[in-house]
Amino acid sequence: MKNYIKTLLGAATILAFTVSSAYSGMGVSLMYGQVETDGTETERTVSGVTSEKTSASKSENYVGASLFIEGEVGPVVLGLDVVPYKISLGDGKRTDTTSDANENTQEDGTVKAEAHLNFLKTIYAHYPIGSWYAGLGYHMVEVSTDEALHTSSYGDESIDGYQLSIGKNSGNLRYEISYSDFDDISLTGANGDKITADADNMMFKLSYVLGN
């Protein structure tokens, strides 16, 4: 279903921007949101035979901005929105203490990790209902991690997601509330450790639209 939405919105947006009369405007948005992330780390023991799981939930508030461009196909507004920076999914740290007397297997100390959404891109469609509109969007983003771990490191992963929104147009201003759900994140470390996570986002956005 998500791939169908992505294909449909992508094709419609390309169509809108290839027809000169369809161009309706561009603009900038200010946003305030909260990302909720639930994750689990499965950490292999030194022997590599057994594993230890650690679960955590993070709530991260953020303030940011984005740039967008729009076109029209009939009554529907189609657009592309880009956040040109990283959005933090949260960070955390813990202190490990082992009881193993063998110094070669010790993994004592503090480990730290932080995850980000990099350059979030959203293809969206707004269907007007008077001065209000209902919106549907498709997210494309890369998840990156910065960590200081005992014996492992994690790479990056590209994920998708969808967005549901409701908004109101008032002259050149636009007010919008949206909910976003992203695909599950799965990262595997260099030594077999694994992180899985699920992220959701609630956001308020204030936009200024520059028409043609």
N, C-alpha and C. Protein backbone atom coordinates (compact mmCIF):
# COMPACT_ATOMS: atom_id res chain seq x y z
N MET A 1 0.82 -1.20 0.00
CA MET A 1 0.00 0.00 0.00
C MET A 1 0.87 1.26 0.00
N LYS A 2 1.94 1.26 0.82
CA LYS A 2 2.82 2.43 0.87
C LYS A 2 3.50 2.66 -0.47
N ASN A 3 3.93 1.58 -1.14
CA ASN A 3 4.57 1.74 -2.44
C ASN A 3 3.58 2.29 -3.46
N TYR A 4 2.31 1.89 -3.36
CA TYR A 4 1.29 2.41 -4.27
C TYR A 4 1.10 3.90 -4.05
N ILE A 5 1.03 4.32 -2.78
CA ILE A 5 0.87 5.74 -2.47
C ILE A 5 2.07 6.53 -2.98
N LYS A 6 3.27 5.99 -2.77
CA LYS A 6 4.49 6.66 -3.22
C LYS A 6 4.48 6.85 -4.73
N THR A 7 4.14 5.79 -5.46
CA THR A 7 4.11 5.86 -6.92
C THR A 7 3.07 6.84 -7.41
N LEU A 8 1.89 6.80 -6.80
CA LEU A 8 0.79 7.68 -7.21
C LEU A 8 1.14 9.15 -6.98
N LEU A 9 1.62 9.47 -5.78
CA LEU A 9 1.97 10.86 -5.47
C LEU A 9 3.16 11.32 -6.31
N GLY A 10 4.14 10.45 -6.50
CA GLY A 10 5.30 10.82 -7.30
C GLY A 10 4.93 11.13 -8.74
N ALA A 11 4.10 10.29 -9.33
CA ALA A 11 3.69 10.50 -10.71
C ALA A 11 2.86 11.77 -10.85
N ALA A 12 1.97 12.01 -9.89
CA ALA A 12 1.12 13.20 -9.95
C ALA A 12 1.94 14.47 -9.77
N THR A 13 2.94 14.42 -8.90
CA THR A 13 3.78 15.61 -8.67
C THR A 13 4.62 15.93 -9.92
N ILE A 14 5.19 14.91 -10.53
CA ILE A 14 5.95 15.13 -11.77
C ILE A 14 5.05 15.73 -12.84
N LEU A 15 3.82 15.22 -12.94
CA LEU A 15 2.87 15.75 -13.91
C LEU A 15 2.58 17.22 -13.65
N ALA A 16 2.39 17.57 -12.36
CA ALA A 16 2.08 18.95 -12.02
C ALA A 16 3.20 19.90 -12.39
N PHE A 17 4.44 19.48 -12.18
CA PHE A 17 5.57 20.37 -12.42
C PHE A 17 6.03 20.40 -13.88
N THR A 18 5.53 19.47 -14.69
CA THR A 18 5.87 19.51 -16.11
C THR A 18 4.87 20.32 -16.91
N VAL A 19 3.78 20.72 -16.28
CA VAL A 19 2.78 21.56 -16.93
C VAL A 19 2.93 22.96 -16.34
N SER A 20 3.39 23.91 -17.13
CA SER A 20 3.74 25.23 -16.61
C SER A 20 2.57 25.90 -15.92
N SER A 21 1.36 25.71 -16.46
CA SER A 21 0.19 26.37 -15.86
C SER A 21 -0.18 25.76 -14.52
N ALA A 22 0.43 24.60 -14.17
CA ALA A 22 0.09 23.94 -12.92
C ALA A 22 0.85 24.51 -11.74
N TYR A 23 1.94 25.24 -12.01
CA TYR A 23 2.74 25.78 -10.91
C TYR A 23 1.91 26.76 -10.09
N SER A 24 1.93 26.58 -8.77
CA SER A 24 1.14 27.47 -7.91
C SER A 24 1.97 28.22 -6.89
N GLY A 25 3.15 27.73 -6.54
CA GLY A 25 3.93 28.49 -5.58
C GLY A 25 5.02 27.69 -4.92
N MET A 26 5.76 28.38 -4.07
CA MET A 26 6.80 27.78 -3.25
C MET A 26 6.82 28.53 -1.93
N GLY A 27 7.57 28.01 -0.99
CA GLY A 27 7.56 28.71 0.29
C GLY A 27 8.45 28.07 1.33
N VAL A 28 8.31 28.55 2.54
CA VAL A 28 9.11 28.07 3.67
C VAL A 28 8.17 27.77 4.84
N SER A 29 8.51 26.77 5.62
CA SER A 29 7.69 26.37 6.76
C SER A 29 8.51 26.35 8.04
N LEU A 30 7.88 26.74 9.13
CA LEU A 30 8.41 26.58 10.48
C LEU A 30 7.62 25.49 11.15
N MET A 31 8.30 24.63 11.91
CA MET A 31 7.59 23.49 12.49
C MET A 31 8.01 23.25 13.94
N TYR A 32 7.06 22.71 14.67
CA TYR A 32 7.33 22.24 16.03
C TYR A 32 6.73 20.85 16.14
N GLY A 33 7.52 19.90 16.58
CA GLY A 33 7.01 18.53 16.63
C GLY A 33 7.60 17.71 17.75
N GLN A 34 7.10 16.49 17.85
CA GLN A 34 7.57 15.53 18.84
C GLN A 34 7.69 14.17 18.18
N VAL A 35 8.89 13.58 18.26
CA VAL A 35 9.14 12.25 17.73
C VAL A 35 9.12 11.25 18.88
N GLU A 36 8.30 10.21 18.75
CA GLU A 36 8.25 9.12 19.72
C GLU A 36 8.93 7.90 19.11
N THR A 37 9.95 7.38 19.80
CA THR A 37 10.70 6.24 19.28
C THR A 37 10.74 5.12 20.32
N ASP A 38 10.34 3.93 19.91
CA ASP A 38 10.45 2.73 20.75
C ASP A 38 11.46 1.81 20.11
N GLY A 39 12.47 1.41 20.88
CA GLY A 39 13.53 0.61 20.29
C GLY A 39 14.05 -0.49 21.20
N THR A 40 14.69 -1.47 20.58
CA THR A 40 15.30 -2.58 21.30
C THR A 40 16.68 -2.86 20.72
N GLU A 41 17.67 -2.99 21.60
CA GLU A 41 19.01 -3.38 21.18
C GLU A 41 19.25 -4.81 21.62
N THR A 42 19.61 -5.66 20.68
CA THR A 42 19.99 -7.04 20.98
C THR A 42 21.50 -7.13 20.90
N GLU A 43 22.13 -7.26 22.06
CA GLU A 43 23.60 -7.21 22.15
C GLU A 43 24.16 -8.60 22.38
N ARG A 44 25.04 -9.03 21.51
CA ARG A 44 25.68 -10.34 21.69
C ARG A 44 26.63 -10.30 22.88
N THR A 45 26.72 -11.41 23.56
CA THR A 45 27.73 -11.52 24.61
C THR A 45 29.09 -11.71 23.95
N VAL A 46 30.11 -11.65 24.78
CA VAL A 46 31.47 -11.79 24.24
C VAL A 46 31.66 -13.14 23.57
N SER A 47 31.02 -14.16 24.09
CA SER A 47 31.14 -15.49 23.49
C SER A 47 30.44 -15.58 22.16
N GLY A 48 29.46 -14.67 21.92
CA GLY A 48 28.71 -14.68 20.67
C GLY A 48 27.62 -15.74 20.64
N VAL A 49 27.42 -16.46 21.75
CA VAL A 49 26.45 -17.55 21.77
C VAL A 49 25.10 -17.04 22.26
N THR A 50 25.09 -16.27 23.33
CA THR A 50 23.85 -15.76 23.88
C THR A 50 23.73 -14.27 23.58
N SER A 51 22.60 -13.69 23.92
CA SER A 51 22.40 -12.27 23.65
C SER A 51 21.63 -11.63 24.79
N GLU A 52 21.75 -10.33 24.87
CA GLU A 52 21.09 -9.55 25.91
C GLU A 52 20.28 -8.45 25.24
N LYS A 53 19.01 -8.31 25.63
CA LYS A 53 18.13 -7.30 25.02
C LYS A 53 17.89 -6.15 25.99
N THR A 54 17.94 -4.94 25.44
CA THR A 54 17.65 -3.73 26.20
C THR A 54 16.64 -2.90 25.42
N SER A 55 15.50 -2.59 26.04
CA SER A 55 14.45 -1.82 25.37
C SER A 55 14.33 -0.44 26.00
N ALA A 56 13.95 0.53 25.19
CA ALA A 56 13.80 1.90 25.69
C ALA A 56 12.83 2.66 24.80
N SER A 57 12.21 3.69 25.37
CA SER A 57 11.33 4.59 24.63
C SER A 57 11.84 6.01 24.81
N LYS A 58 11.85 6.77 23.72
CA LYS A 58 12.35 8.13 23.75
C LYS A 58 11.31 9.07 23.15
N SER A 59 11.18 10.24 23.76
CA SER A 59 10.32 11.30 23.24
C SER A 59 11.18 12.54 23.04
N GLU A 60 11.28 13.01 21.81
CA GLU A 60 12.18 14.11 21.47
C GLU A 60 11.39 15.24 20.82
N ASN A 61 11.44 16.42 21.44
CA ASN A 61 10.81 17.61 20.85
C ASN A 61 11.81 18.33 19.95
N TYR A 62 11.32 18.96 18.92
CA TYR A 62 12.22 19.67 18.00
C TYR A 62 11.53 20.89 17.41
N VAL A 63 12.33 21.84 16.99
CA VAL A 63 11.88 23.02 16.25
C VAL A 63 12.70 23.07 14.97
N GLY A 64 12.05 23.31 13.84
CA GLY A 64 12.80 23.29 12.61
C GLY A 64 12.12 24.04 11.48
N ALA A 65 12.61 23.81 10.27
CA ALA A 65 12.09 24.51 9.10
C ALA A 65 12.25 23.62 7.88
N SER A 66 11.49 23.94 6.84
CA SER A 66 11.58 23.22 5.58
C SER A 66 11.29 24.15 4.42
N LEU A 67 11.66 23.70 3.22
CA LEU A 67 11.38 24.42 1.98
C LEU A 67 10.46 23.55 1.13
N PHE A 68 9.56 24.18 0.36
CA PHE A 68 8.65 23.39 -0.47
C PHE A 68 8.33 24.11 -1.77
N ILE A 69 7.89 23.30 -2.75
CA ILE A 69 7.41 23.81 -4.02
C ILE A 69 6.15 23.03 -4.38
N GLU A 70 5.19 23.70 -5.01
CA GLU A 70 3.88 23.10 -5.24
C GLU A 70 3.39 23.33 -6.67
N GLY A 71 2.49 22.45 -7.09
CA GLY A 71 1.77 22.60 -8.34
C GLY A 71 0.33 22.15 -8.14
N GLU A 72 -0.52 22.42 -9.12
CA GLU A 72 -1.93 22.08 -9.02
C GLU A 72 -2.33 21.17 -10.17
N VAL A 73 -3.11 20.15 -9.84
CA VAL A 73 -3.76 19.31 -10.84
C VAL A 73 -5.25 19.32 -10.49
N GLY A 74 -6.02 20.11 -11.23
CA GLY A 74 -7.41 20.31 -10.85
C GLY A 74 -7.47 21.00 -9.51
N PRO A 75 -8.31 20.52 -8.59
CA PRO A 75 -8.42 21.15 -7.27
C PRO A 75 -7.33 20.72 -6.29
N VAL A 76 -6.54 19.72 -6.67
CA VAL A 76 -5.57 19.14 -5.75
C VAL A 76 -4.22 19.85 -5.85
N VAL A 77 -3.66 20.19 -4.69
CA VAL A 77 -2.31 20.77 -4.62
C VAL A 77 -1.32 19.65 -4.37
N LEU A 78 -0.29 19.55 -5.21
CA LEU A 78 0.75 18.54 -5.08
C LEU A 78 2.09 19.22 -4.83
N GLY A 79 2.89 18.67 -3.96
CA GLY A 79 4.13 19.35 -3.63
C GLY A 79 5.23 18.44 -3.15
N LEU A 80 6.41 19.05 -3.05
CA LEU A 80 7.59 18.39 -2.50
C LEU A 80 8.16 19.27 -1.40
N ASP A 81 8.30 18.70 -0.20
CA ASP A 81 8.80 19.41 0.97
C ASP A 81 10.13 18.77 1.39
N VAL A 82 11.14 19.60 1.67
CA VAL A 82 12.47 19.10 2.06
C VAL A 82 12.93 19.78 3.34
N VAL A 83 13.33 18.98 4.32
CA VAL A 83 13.94 19.49 5.55
C VAL A 83 15.45 19.39 5.36
N PRO A 84 16.18 20.50 5.20
CA PRO A 84 17.59 20.46 4.80
C PRO A 84 18.57 20.29 5.96
N TYR A 85 18.25 19.43 6.91
CA TYR A 85 19.15 19.20 8.04
C TYR A 85 18.71 17.93 8.75
N LYS A 86 19.36 17.59 9.85
CA LYS A 86 19.05 16.38 10.60
C LYS A 86 18.01 16.65 11.68
N ILE A 87 17.09 15.68 11.88
CA ILE A 87 16.14 15.72 12.98
C ILE A 87 16.53 14.61 13.96
N SER A 88 16.71 14.95 15.21
CA SER A 88 17.14 13.96 16.20
C SER A 88 15.98 13.05 16.60
N LEU A 89 16.25 11.74 16.62
CA LEU A 89 15.28 10.77 17.12
C LEU A 89 15.48 10.51 18.61
N GLY A 90 16.53 11.06 19.17
CA GLY A 90 16.81 10.86 20.59
C GLY A 90 18.20 10.29 20.80
N ASP A 91 18.68 10.42 22.01
CA ASP A 91 19.98 9.88 22.37
C ASP A 91 19.90 9.26 23.75
N GLY A 92 20.89 8.48 24.06
CA GLY A 92 20.90 7.83 25.36
C GLY A 92 22.26 7.26 25.68
N LYS A 93 22.44 6.89 26.92
CA LYS A 93 23.69 6.27 27.34
C LYS A 93 23.42 5.34 28.52
N ARG A 94 24.33 4.39 28.71
CA ARG A 94 24.22 3.50 29.86
C ARG A 94 25.62 3.09 30.28
N THR A 95 25.75 2.69 31.53
CA THR A 95 27.03 2.24 32.05
C THR A 95 26.95 0.74 32.30
N ASP A 96 27.85 0.00 31.64
CA ASP A 96 27.88 -1.46 31.77
C ASP A 96 28.93 -1.86 32.80
N THR A 97 28.57 -2.85 33.60
CA THR A 97 29.52 -3.42 34.56
C THR A 97 29.40 -4.93 34.50
N THR A 98 30.50 -5.63 34.25
CA THR A 98 30.48 -7.08 34.19
C THR A 98 31.15 -7.65 35.42
N SER A 99 30.81 -8.89 35.71
CA SER A 99 31.40 -9.57 36.87
C SER A 99 32.46 -10.58 36.45
N ASP A 100 32.75 -10.63 35.14
CA ASP A 100 33.75 -11.57 34.62
C ASP A 100 35.14 -11.11 35.05
N ALA A 101 35.90 -11.98 35.66
CA ALA A 101 37.24 -11.62 36.14
C ALA A 101 38.27 -11.60 35.01
N ASN A 102 37.91 -12.11 33.86
CA ASN A 102 38.82 -12.13 32.73
C ASN A 102 38.84 -10.76 32.07
N GLU A 103 39.96 -10.07 32.15
CA GLU A 103 40.02 -8.71 31.63
C GLU A 103 39.79 -8.66 30.13
N ASN A 104 40.08 -9.77 29.42
CA ASN A 104 39.91 -9.77 27.98
C ASN A 104 38.45 -9.77 27.56
N THR A 105 37.56 -10.08 28.48
CA THR A 105 36.15 -10.11 28.12
C THR A 105 35.39 -8.99 28.80
N GLN A 106 36.07 -8.09 29.46
CA GLN A 106 35.40 -7.00 30.14
C GLN A 106 34.81 -6.02 29.14
N GLU A 107 33.58 -5.59 29.39
CA GLU A 107 32.94 -4.55 28.59
C GLU A 107 32.36 -3.50 29.55
N ASP A 108 33.20 -3.10 30.52
CA ASP A 108 32.78 -2.08 31.46
C ASP A 108 32.88 -0.71 30.82
N GLY A 109 32.09 0.22 31.38
CA GLY A 109 32.18 1.60 30.90
C GLY A 109 30.85 2.10 30.38
N THR A 110 30.86 3.35 29.89
CA THR A 110 29.65 4.01 29.42
C THR A 110 29.59 3.95 27.90
N VAL A 111 28.43 3.56 27.38
CA VAL A 111 28.20 3.55 25.94
C VAL A 111 27.16 4.61 25.61
N LYS A 112 27.31 5.25 24.46
CA LYS A 112 26.42 6.32 24.05
C LYS A 112 25.96 6.08 22.62
N ALA A 113 24.74 6.53 22.31
CA ALA A 113 24.23 6.40 20.95
C ALA A 113 23.20 7.50 20.69
N GLU A 114 23.16 7.96 19.44
CA GLU A 114 22.20 8.98 19.02
C GLU A 114 21.80 8.68 17.58
N ALA A 115 20.51 8.86 17.27
CA ALA A 115 20.01 8.59 15.93
C ALA A 115 19.37 9.84 15.35
N HIS A 116 19.46 9.98 14.01
CA HIS A 116 18.91 11.14 13.32
C HIS A 116 18.16 10.73 12.06
N LEU A 117 17.19 11.58 11.69
CA LEU A 117 16.59 11.52 10.36
C LEU A 117 17.30 12.57 9.51
N ASN A 118 17.89 12.15 8.39
CA ASN A 118 18.70 13.05 7.57
C ASN A 118 17.94 13.53 6.34
N PHE A 119 17.75 14.85 6.22
CA PHE A 119 17.19 15.46 5.02
C PHE A 119 15.87 14.79 4.61
N LEU A 120 14.90 14.92 5.48
CA LEU A 120 13.58 14.34 5.25
C LEU A 120 12.91 14.96 4.03
N LYS A 121 12.46 14.12 3.10
CA LYS A 121 11.77 14.57 1.89
C LYS A 121 10.36 14.02 1.90
N THR A 122 9.38 14.85 1.58
CA THR A 122 7.98 14.45 1.60
C THR A 122 7.28 14.87 0.32
N ILE A 123 6.71 13.90 -0.38
CA ILE A 123 5.80 14.18 -1.49
C ILE A 123 4.39 14.22 -0.90
N TYR A 124 3.64 15.28 -1.17
CA TYR A 124 2.32 15.40 -0.52
C TYR A 124 1.25 15.86 -1.49
N ALA A 125 0.00 15.59 -1.09
CA ALA A 125 -1.18 16.05 -1.83
C ALA A 125 -2.16 16.65 -0.84
N HIS A 126 -2.70 17.83 -1.18
CA HIS A 126 -3.70 18.50 -0.36
C HIS A 126 -5.01 18.57 -1.13
N TYR A 127 -6.06 18.04 -0.54
CA TYR A 127 -7.38 18.10 -1.17
C TYR A 127 -8.20 19.16 -0.44
N PRO A 128 -8.65 20.21 -1.15
CA PRO A 128 -9.32 21.32 -0.48
C PRO A 128 -10.73 20.98 0.00
N ILE A 129 -11.05 21.49 1.17
CA ILE A 129 -12.40 21.42 1.73
C ILE A 129 -12.72 22.82 2.22
N GLY A 130 -13.19 23.69 1.31
CA GLY A 130 -13.36 25.09 1.63
C GLY A 130 -11.99 25.73 1.82
N SER A 131 -11.81 26.47 2.91
CA SER A 131 -10.49 27.04 3.22
C SER A 131 -9.60 26.04 3.95
N TRP A 132 -10.13 24.86 4.25
CA TRP A 132 -9.37 23.80 4.89
C TRP A 132 -8.91 22.80 3.83
N TYR A 133 -8.07 21.87 4.24
CA TYR A 133 -7.68 20.79 3.33
C TYR A 133 -7.31 19.55 4.14
N ALA A 134 -7.45 18.41 3.49
CA ALA A 134 -6.96 17.14 4.05
C ALA A 134 -5.74 16.74 3.24
N GLY A 135 -4.70 16.26 3.93
CA GLY A 135 -3.45 15.97 3.26
C GLY A 135 -2.99 14.53 3.41
N LEU A 136 -2.29 14.05 2.41
CA LEU A 136 -1.67 12.74 2.42
C LEU A 136 -0.25 12.90 1.92
N GLY A 137 0.72 12.34 2.63
CA GLY A 137 2.11 12.49 2.23
C GLY A 137 2.89 11.20 2.31
N TYR A 138 4.01 11.17 1.58
CA TYR A 138 4.90 10.01 1.59
C TYR A 138 6.31 10.49 1.90
N HIS A 139 6.90 9.97 2.99
CA HIS A 139 8.22 10.37 3.45
C HIS A 139 9.31 9.47 2.88
N MET A 140 10.48 10.07 2.61
CA MET A 140 11.69 9.34 2.23
C MET A 140 12.84 9.95 3.03
N VAL A 141 13.57 9.12 3.78
CA VAL A 141 14.59 9.66 4.67
C VAL A 141 15.64 8.60 4.97
N GLU A 142 16.85 9.06 5.33
CA GLU A 142 17.92 8.16 5.78
C GLU A 142 18.09 8.31 7.28
N VAL A 143 18.18 7.18 7.96
CA VAL A 143 18.43 7.16 9.41
C VAL A 143 19.92 6.91 9.62
N SER A 144 20.57 7.80 10.38
CA SER A 144 21.98 7.63 10.69
C SER A 144 22.16 7.56 12.20
N THR A 145 23.24 6.93 12.62
CA THR A 145 23.53 6.80 14.05
C THR A 145 24.94 7.30 14.34
N ASP A 146 25.08 7.92 15.50
CA ASP A 146 26.39 8.29 16.05
C ASP A 146 26.51 7.59 17.39
N GLU A 147 27.53 6.77 17.53
CA GLU A 147 27.63 5.98 18.75
C GLU A 147 29.06 5.83 19.22
N ALA A 148 29.16 5.57 20.52
CA ALA A 148 30.44 5.23 21.14
C ALA A 148 30.19 3.96 21.95
N LEU A 149 30.46 2.82 21.31
CA LEU A 149 30.13 1.52 21.89
C LEU A 149 31.41 0.75 22.21
N HIS A 150 31.25 -0.38 22.92
CA HIS A 150 32.41 -1.17 23.33
C HIS A 150 33.12 -1.77 22.11
N THR A 151 32.36 -2.53 21.31
CA THR A 151 33.00 -3.31 20.25
C THR A 151 32.25 -3.23 18.92
N SER A 152 31.26 -2.36 18.80
CA SER A 152 30.45 -2.39 17.60
C SER A 152 30.15 -0.98 17.12
N SER A 153 29.64 -0.89 15.89
CA SER A 153 29.15 0.36 15.33
C SER A 153 28.02 0.02 14.36
N TYR A 154 27.13 0.98 14.13
CA TYR A 154 25.98 0.75 13.27
C TYR A 154 26.06 1.66 12.05
N GLY A 155 25.53 1.16 10.95
CA GLY A 155 25.51 1.94 9.72
C GLY A 155 24.25 2.78 9.60
N ASP A 156 23.93 3.16 8.37
CA ASP A 156 22.75 3.97 8.09
C ASP A 156 21.74 3.12 7.33
N GLU A 157 20.49 3.59 7.33
CA GLU A 157 19.44 2.86 6.61
C GLU A 157 18.43 3.86 6.05
N SER A 158 17.97 3.62 4.83
CA SER A 158 16.94 4.44 4.22
C SER A 158 15.57 3.83 4.51
N ILE A 159 14.64 4.65 4.98
CA ILE A 159 13.30 4.17 5.29
C ILE A 159 12.27 5.11 4.68
N ASP A 160 11.04 4.64 4.61
CA ASP A 160 9.91 5.43 4.12
C ASP A 160 8.89 5.60 5.23
N GLY A 161 7.85 6.35 4.96
CA GLY A 161 6.77 6.54 5.91
C GLY A 161 5.62 7.27 5.26
N TYR A 162 4.51 7.37 5.97
CA TYR A 162 3.37 8.10 5.44
C TYR A 162 2.94 9.19 6.41
N GLN A 163 2.22 10.16 5.89
CA GLN A 163 1.78 11.31 6.68
C GLN A 163 0.30 11.60 6.42
N LEU A 164 -0.44 11.85 7.48
CA LEU A 164 -1.82 12.30 7.40
C LEU A 164 -1.88 13.69 8.02
N SER A 165 -2.56 14.62 7.36
CA SER A 165 -2.57 15.99 7.86
C SER A 165 -3.91 16.66 7.63
N ILE A 166 -4.15 17.72 8.38
CA ILE A 166 -5.28 18.60 8.17
C ILE A 166 -4.78 20.02 8.36
N GLY A 167 -5.21 20.92 7.48
CA GLY A 167 -4.70 22.28 7.54
C GLY A 167 -5.69 23.31 7.07
N LYS A 168 -5.30 24.56 7.21
CA LYS A 168 -6.16 25.67 6.82
C LYS A 168 -5.32 26.73 6.11
N ASN A 169 -5.82 27.22 4.98
CA ASN A 169 -5.18 28.30 4.24
C ASN A 169 -5.81 29.63 4.62
N SER A 170 -4.96 30.62 4.86
CA SER A 170 -5.42 31.96 5.20
C SER A 170 -4.52 32.96 4.49
N GLY A 171 -4.91 33.34 3.27
CA GLY A 171 -4.04 34.20 2.47
C GLY A 171 -2.77 33.47 2.12
N ASN A 172 -1.63 34.09 2.41
CA ASN A 172 -0.34 33.43 2.14
C ASN A 172 0.10 32.52 3.26
N LEU A 173 -0.66 32.48 4.36
CA LEU A 173 -0.29 31.64 5.49
C LEU A 173 -1.04 30.31 5.45
N ARG A 174 -0.40 29.29 6.01
CA ARG A 174 -1.00 27.97 6.09
C ARG A 174 -0.69 27.38 7.46
N TYR A 175 -1.72 26.80 8.08
CA TYR A 175 -1.57 26.18 9.39
C TYR A 175 -1.89 24.69 9.23
N GLU A 176 -1.02 23.84 9.78
CA GLU A 176 -1.20 22.40 9.55
C GLU A 176 -0.81 21.59 10.77
N ILE A 177 -1.60 20.56 11.04
CA ILE A 177 -1.27 19.56 12.06
C ILE A 177 -1.17 18.22 11.34
N SER A 178 -0.13 17.46 11.64
CA SER A 178 0.06 16.19 10.93
C SER A 178 0.55 15.09 11.87
N TYR A 179 0.30 13.87 11.43
CA TYR A 179 0.81 12.66 12.10
C TYR A 179 1.58 11.85 11.07
N SER A 180 2.76 11.37 11.44
CA SER A 180 3.58 10.56 10.54
C SER A 180 3.97 9.25 11.21
N ASP A 181 3.95 8.19 10.43
CA ASP A 181 4.39 6.87 10.89
C ASP A 181 5.47 6.37 9.94
N PHE A 182 6.62 6.02 10.49
CA PHE A 182 7.74 5.57 9.67
C PHE A 182 7.88 4.05 9.72
N ASP A 183 8.50 3.50 8.67
CA ASP A 183 8.80 2.07 8.66
C ASP A 183 9.67 1.71 9.86
N ASP A 184 9.61 0.44 10.26
CA ASP A 184 10.49 -0.03 11.32
C ASP A 184 11.95 0.11 10.89
N ILE A 185 12.78 0.53 11.82
CA ILE A 185 14.20 0.70 11.57
C ILE A 185 14.93 -0.55 12.07
N SER A 186 15.83 -1.08 11.27
CA SER A 186 16.61 -2.24 11.67
C SER A 186 18.06 -2.03 11.27
N LEU A 187 18.94 -1.92 12.27
CA LEU A 187 20.36 -1.69 12.04
C LEU A 187 21.16 -2.82 12.68
N THR A 188 22.12 -3.36 11.94
CA THR A 188 22.96 -4.44 12.45
C THR A 188 24.39 -3.95 12.59
N GLY A 189 24.97 -4.17 13.77
CA GLY A 189 26.32 -3.70 14.04
C GLY A 189 27.38 -4.57 13.42
N ALA A 190 28.61 -4.09 13.49
CA ALA A 190 29.74 -4.79 12.87
C ALA A 190 29.99 -6.15 13.51
N ASN A 191 29.63 -6.32 14.78
CA ASN A 191 29.88 -7.60 15.46
C ASN A 191 28.62 -8.42 15.66
N GLY A 192 27.51 -8.03 14.98
CA GLY A 192 26.28 -8.81 15.08
C GLY A 192 25.25 -8.23 16.02
N ASP A 193 25.59 -7.18 16.79
CA ASP A 193 24.58 -6.51 17.60
C ASP A 193 23.51 -5.93 16.68
N LYS A 194 22.28 -5.78 17.18
CA LYS A 194 21.19 -5.33 16.33
C LYS A 194 20.29 -4.35 17.07
N ILE A 195 19.86 -3.32 16.38
CA ILE A 195 18.90 -2.36 16.91
C ILE A 195 17.66 -2.37 16.02
N THR A 196 16.48 -2.47 16.62
CA THR A 196 15.22 -2.30 15.92
C THR A 196 14.44 -1.19 16.60
N ALA A 197 13.74 -0.37 15.82
CA ALA A 197 13.03 0.76 16.40
C ALA A 197 11.85 1.15 15.52
N ASP A 198 10.88 1.80 16.14
CA ASP A 198 9.72 2.33 15.43
C ASP A 198 9.54 3.78 15.84
N ALA A 199 9.37 4.68 14.86
CA ALA A 199 9.26 6.11 15.15
C ALA A 199 7.95 6.67 14.61
N ASP A 200 7.30 7.51 15.42
CA ASP A 200 6.10 8.24 15.04
C ASP A 200 6.32 9.72 15.31
N ASN A 201 5.63 10.56 14.57
CA ASN A 201 5.84 12.00 14.69
C ASN A 201 4.53 12.76 14.68
N MET A 202 4.34 13.67 15.64
CA MET A 202 3.24 14.63 15.64
C MET A 202 3.84 16.01 15.44
N MET A 203 3.23 16.82 14.54
CA MET A 203 3.87 18.08 14.19
C MET A 203 2.84 19.17 13.90
N PHE A 204 3.18 20.39 14.32
CA PHE A 204 2.44 21.59 13.91
C PHE A 204 3.35 22.38 12.98
N LYS A 205 2.80 22.83 11.85
CA LYS A 205 3.59 23.54 10.86
C LYS A 205 2.92 24.84 10.46
N LEU A 206 3.68 25.91 10.43
CA LEU A 206 3.23 27.22 9.94
C LEU A 206 4.01 27.53 8.68
N SER A 207 3.30 27.75 7.56
CA SER A 207 3.96 27.94 6.27
C SER A 207 3.60 29.30 5.68
N TYR A 208 4.55 29.84 4.93
CA TYR A 208 4.30 31.05 4.14
C TYR A 208 4.47 30.67 2.67
N VAL A 209 3.40 30.86 1.90
CA VAL A 209 3.38 30.45 0.50
C VAL A 209 3.58 31.66 -0.40
N LEU A 210 4.57 31.57 -1.27
CA LEU A 210 4.80 32.61 -2.28
C LEU A 210 4.17 32.15 -3.58
N GLY A 211 3.10 32.81 -3.99
CA GLY A 211 2.41 32.42 -5.22
C GLY A 211 3.08 33.02 -6.42
N ASN A 212 2.62 32.58 -7.62
CA ASN A 212 3.20 33.14 -8.84
C ASN A 212 2.54 34.46 -9.20
